[in-house]
Amino acid sequence: MVSRSPRRLVFVCVENSNRSQMAEAFARLYGAGSVEAFSAGSRPSGQISPRAIEAMREIGYDPATHHSKSIDSLPDIPFDYVITMGCGDECPLVPAVRREDWDIPDPKLMSDQEFRQVRDLIGQKVKKLIDTP
């Protein structure tokens, strides 16, 4: 780990409109004060999915102030973790001490119930990551 606190986490997917946005929101929610959370996309859509906004509001977090952004717009800082969301080769290398791929399916075309299941899976994984020393 980079010797500094808080830990810096970046979540990457293709569009930065669903999975990585929800992961950033969960990291801010669960890791307030102990992490700095960022998200980005390899081909950002330019907007956060209204479904992702609604799904996060259902659990008490409003990501309406977030915005879809490119990997190129990430700050030039050392990251402790980069987490890719199952985007494979479409997620270019972002330098970090540790890199993980969570292989989370894109919920964009899923039913509302399936979308919430993906949201909850992301939440569980982020909580586990934050709780790991």
C-alpha atoms as a PDB file:
ATOM      1  CA  MET A   1       0.000   0.000   0.000  1.00  0.00           C
ATOM      2  CA  VAL A   2       1.002   3.563  -0.568  1.00  0.00           C
ATOM      3  CA  SER A   3       1.788   4.939   2.891  1.00  0.00           C
ATOM      4  CA  ARG A   4      -0.852   7.595   3.256  1.00  0.00           C
ATOM      5  CA  SER A   5      -4.382   7.846   4.445  1.00  0.00           C
ATOM      6  CA  PRO A   6      -7.030   7.892   3.121  1.00  0.00           C
ATOM      7  CA  ARG A   7      -6.744   5.061   0.618  1.00  0.00           C
ATOM      8  CA  ARG A   8      -7.400   6.075  -2.966  1.00  0.00           C
ATOM      9  CA  LEU A   9      -9.719   3.846  -4.970  1.00  0.00           C
ATOM     10  CA  VAL A  10     -10.665   4.124  -8.624  1.00  0.00           C
ATOM     11  CA  PHE A  11     -13.456   2.100 -10.250  1.00  0.00           C
ATOM     12  CA  VAL A  12     -13.371   1.658 -14.026  1.00  0.00           C
ATOM     13  CA  CYS A  13     -15.916   0.396 -16.537  1.00  0.00           C
ATOM     14  CA  VAL A  14     -16.655   1.215 -20.156  1.00  0.00           C
ATOM     15  CA  GLU A  15     -19.280   3.997 -20.032  1.00  0.00           C
ATOM     16  CA  ASN A  16     -18.861   5.229 -16.436  1.00  0.00           C
ATOM     17  CA  SER A  17     -22.625   5.447 -16.204  1.00  0.00           C
ATOM     18  CA  ASN A  18     -23.708   2.422 -14.098  1.00  0.00           C
ATOM     19  CA  ARG A  19     -21.289  -0.001 -12.406  1.00  0.00           C
ATOM     20  CA  SER A  20     -18.314   2.240 -11.708  1.00  0.00           C
ATOM     21  CA  GLN A  21     -20.584   5.110 -10.673  1.00  0.00           C
ATOM     22  CA  MET A  22     -22.411   2.898  -8.174  1.00  0.00           C
ATOM     23  CA  ALA A  23     -19.075   1.589  -6.862  1.00  0.00           C
ATOM     24  CA  GLU A  24     -17.787   5.138  -6.374  1.00  0.00           C
ATOM     25  CA  ALA A  25     -21.015   6.021  -4.563  1.00  0.00           C
ATOM     26  CA  PHE A  26     -20.750   2.983  -2.264  1.00  0.00           C
ATOM     27  CA  ALA A  27     -17.099   3.811  -1.512  1.00  0.00           C
ATOM     28  CA  ARG A  28     -18.085   7.352  -0.558  1.00  0.00           C
ATOM     29  CA  LEU A  29     -20.979   6.027   1.519  1.00  0.00           C
ATOM     30  CA  TYR A  30     -19.098   3.247   3.349  1.00  0.00           C
ATOM     31  CA  GLY A  31     -15.639   4.780   3.408  1.00  0.00           C
ATOM     32  CA  ALA A  32     -16.324   8.382   4.373  1.00  0.00           C
ATOM     33  CA  GLY A  33     -13.113   9.729   5.854  1.00  0.00           C
ATOM     34  CA  SER A  34     -11.089   6.588   5.140  1.00  0.00           C
ATOM     35  CA  VAL A  35     -11.069   6.531   1.319  1.00  0.00           C
ATOM     36  CA  GLU A  36     -11.000   8.869  -1.633  1.00  0.00           C
ATOM     37  CA  ALA A  37     -13.155   7.374  -4.376  1.00  0.00           C
ATOM     38  CA  PHE A  38     -13.008   8.024  -8.107  1.00  0.00           C
ATOM     39  CA  SER A  39     -14.587   6.422 -11.163  1.00  0.00           C
ATOM     40  CA  ALA A  40     -13.991   6.635 -14.890  1.00  0.00           C
ATOM     41  CA  GLY A  41     -14.772   4.956 -18.188  1.00  0.00           C
ATOM     42  CA  SER A  42     -12.767   3.880 -21.204  1.00  0.00           C
ATOM     43  CA  ARG A  43     -15.538   5.288 -23.432  1.00  0.00           C
ATOM     44  CA  PRO A  44     -17.641   7.475 -21.114  1.00  0.00           C
ATOM     45  CA  SER A  45     -21.258   7.982 -22.082  1.00  0.00           C
ATOM     46  CA  GLY A  46     -21.290  11.553 -20.813  1.00  0.00           C
ATOM     47  CA  GLN A  47     -24.082  10.917 -18.324  1.00  0.00           C
ATOM     48  CA  ILE A  48     -24.925   8.795 -15.326  1.00  0.00           C
ATOM     49  CA  SER A  49     -27.724   6.374 -15.994  1.00  0.00           C
ATOM     50  CA  PRO A  50     -31.007   7.548 -14.486  1.00  0.00           C
ATOM     51  CA  ARG A  51     -31.495   3.937 -13.339  1.00  0.00           C
ATOM     52  CA  ALA A  52     -28.203   4.044 -11.407  1.00  0.00           C
ATOM     53  CA  ILE A  53     -29.201   7.353  -9.814  1.00  0.00           C
ATOM     54  CA  GLU A  54     -32.579   5.928  -8.790  1.00  0.00           C
ATOM     55  CA  ALA A  55     -31.078   2.644  -7.536  1.00  0.00           C
ATOM     56  CA  MET A  56     -28.617   4.522  -5.305  1.00  0.00           C
ATOM     57  CA  ARG A  57     -31.292   6.930  -4.060  1.00  0.00           C
ATOM     58  CA  GLU A  58     -33.296   3.883  -2.940  1.00  0.00           C
ATOM     59  CA  ILE A  59     -30.540   3.114  -0.434  1.00  0.00           C
ATOM     60  CA  GLY A  60     -30.003   6.691   0.702  1.00  0.00           C
ATOM     61  CA  TYR A  61     -27.225   8.013  -1.550  1.00  0.00           C
ATOM     62  CA  ASP A  62     -27.821  10.643  -4.227  1.00  0.00           C
ATOM     63  CA  PRO A  63     -25.178  10.476  -6.980  1.00  0.00           C
ATOM     64  CA  ALA A  64     -26.786  13.315  -8.953  1.00  0.00           C
ATOM     65  CA  THR A  65     -23.661  15.445  -8.461  1.00  0.00           C
ATOM     66  CA  HIS A  66     -21.415  12.781 -10.038  1.00  0.00           C
ATOM     67  CA  HIS A  67     -20.653  12.952 -13.743  1.00  0.00           C
ATOM     68  CA  SER A  68     -19.489  10.472 -16.358  1.00  0.00           C
ATOM     69  CA  LYS A  69     -15.811  10.963 -17.082  1.00  0.00           C
ATOM     70  CA  SER A  70     -12.910   9.534 -19.031  1.00  0.00           C
ATOM     71  CA  ILE A  71      -9.923   7.683 -17.614  1.00  0.00           C
ATOM     72  CA  ASP A  72      -7.870  10.542 -19.059  1.00  0.00           C
ATOM     73  CA  SER A  73      -9.576  12.943 -16.644  1.00  0.00           C
ATOM     74  CA  LEU A  74      -8.464  11.077 -13.503  1.00  0.00           C
ATOM     75  CA  PRO A  75      -6.123  13.098 -11.316  1.00  0.00           C
ATOM     76  CA  ASP A  76      -2.427  12.322 -11.642  1.00  0.00           C
ATOM     77  CA  ILE A  77      -2.101  10.814  -8.162  1.00  0.00           C
ATOM     78  CA  PRO A  78      -1.024   7.426  -6.826  1.00  0.00           C
ATOM     79  CA  PHE A  79      -3.953   5.025  -6.458  1.00  0.00           C
ATOM     80  CA  ASP A  80      -4.002   2.201  -3.928  1.00  0.00           C
ATOM     81  CA  TYR A  81      -6.576   0.137  -5.831  1.00  0.00           C
ATOM     82  CA  VAL A  82      -7.954   0.140  -9.331  1.00  0.00           C
ATOM     83  CA  ILE A  83     -11.044  -2.006  -9.689  1.00  0.00           C
ATOM     84  CA  THR A  84     -12.300  -2.865 -13.156  1.00  0.00           C
ATOM     85  CA  MET A  85     -15.890  -3.964 -13.548  1.00  0.00           C
ATOM     86  CA  GLY A  86     -15.578  -6.774 -16.055  1.00  0.00           C
ATOM     87  CA  CYS A  87     -14.703  -4.667 -19.068  1.00  0.00           C
ATOM     88  CA  GLY A  88     -11.685  -6.769 -20.023  1.00  0.00           C
ATOM     89  CA  ASP A  89      -9.460  -5.260 -22.675  1.00  0.00           C
ATOM     90  CA  GLU A  90     -11.692  -2.192 -22.931  1.00  0.00           C
ATOM     91  CA  CYS A  91     -10.361  -1.035 -19.550  1.00  0.00           C
ATOM     92  CA  PRO A  92      -6.861   0.274 -20.113  1.00  0.00           C
ATOM     93  CA  LEU A  93      -4.225   0.077 -17.435  1.00  0.00           C
ATOM     94  CA  VAL A  94      -4.549   2.638 -14.665  1.00  0.00           C
ATOM     95  CA  PRO A  95      -1.461   2.557 -12.439  1.00  0.00           C
ATOM     96  CA  ALA A  96      -2.152   1.424  -8.882  1.00  0.00           C
ATOM     97  CA  VAL A  97      -0.579  -0.586  -6.083  1.00  0.00           C
ATOM     98  CA  ARG A  98      -3.254  -3.257  -6.541  1.00  0.00           C
ATOM     99  CA  ARG A  99      -5.531  -4.106  -9.437  1.00  0.00           C
ATOM    100  CA  GLU A 100      -8.622  -6.316  -9.336  1.00  0.00           C
ATOM    101  CA  ASP A 101     -11.249  -7.238 -11.887  1.00  0.00           C
ATOM    102  CA  TRP A 102     -14.642  -7.897 -10.340  1.00  0.00           C
ATOM    103  CA  ASP A 103     -16.235  -9.273 -13.538  1.00  0.00           C
ATOM    104  CA  ILE A 104     -19.588  -7.636 -12.809  1.00  0.00           C
ATOM    105  CA  PRO A 105     -22.160  -7.827 -15.611  1.00  0.00           C
ATOM    106  CA  ASP A 106     -23.330  -4.586 -17.190  1.00  0.00           C
ATOM    107  CA  PRO A 107     -26.847  -3.996 -15.825  1.00  0.00           C
ATOM    108  CA  LYS A 108     -27.795  -1.494 -18.538  1.00  0.00           C
ATOM    109  CA  LEU A 109     -30.332  -3.775 -20.250  1.00  0.00           C
ATOM    110  CA  MET A 110     -31.380  -5.794 -17.190  1.00  0.00           C
ATOM    111  CA  SER A 111     -34.764  -5.791 -15.494  1.00  0.00           C
ATOM    112  CA  ASP A 112     -35.182  -3.527 -12.469  1.00  0.00           C
ATOM    113  CA  GLN A 113     -34.834  -6.505 -10.118  1.00  0.00           C
ATOM    114  CA  GLU A 114     -31.635  -7.694 -11.823  1.00  0.00           C
ATOM    115  CA  PHE A 115     -30.292  -4.124 -11.829  1.00  0.00           C
ATOM    116  CA  ARG A 116     -30.786  -3.936  -8.059  1.00  0.00           C
ATOM    117  CA  GLN A 117     -29.054  -7.294  -7.640  1.00  0.00           C
ATOM    118  CA  VAL A 118     -26.018  -5.926  -9.486  1.00  0.00           C
ATOM    119  CA  ARG A 119     -26.170  -2.777  -7.326  1.00  0.00           C
ATOM    120  CA  ASP A 120     -26.235  -4.908  -4.177  1.00  0.00           C
ATOM    121  CA  LEU A 121     -23.353  -7.077  -5.419  1.00  0.00           C
ATOM    122  CA  ILE A 122     -21.273  -3.959  -6.047  1.00  0.00           C
ATOM    123  CA  GLY A 123     -22.156  -2.673  -2.578  1.00  0.00           C
ATOM    124  CA  GLN A 124     -21.047  -5.925  -0.939  1.00  0.00           C
ATOM    125  CA  LYS A 125     -17.763  -5.962  -2.842  1.00  0.00           C
ATOM    126  CA  VAL A 126     -17.014  -2.305  -2.036  1.00  0.00           C
ATOM    127  CA  LYS A 127     -17.779  -2.857   1.658  1.00  0.00           C
ATOM    128  CA  LYS A 128     -15.450  -5.854   1.738  1.00  0.00           C
ATOM    129  CA  LEU A 129     -12.722  -3.851  -0.016  1.00  0.00           C
ATOM    130  CA  ILE A 130     -13.051  -0.969   2.440  1.00  0.00           C
ATOM    131  CA  ASP A 131     -13.079  -3.325   5.442  1.00  0.00           C
ATOM    132  CA  THR A 132      -9.849  -5.001   4.242  1.00  0.00           C
ATOM    133  CA  PRO A 133      -6.837  -3.502   6.024  1.00  0.00           C
END
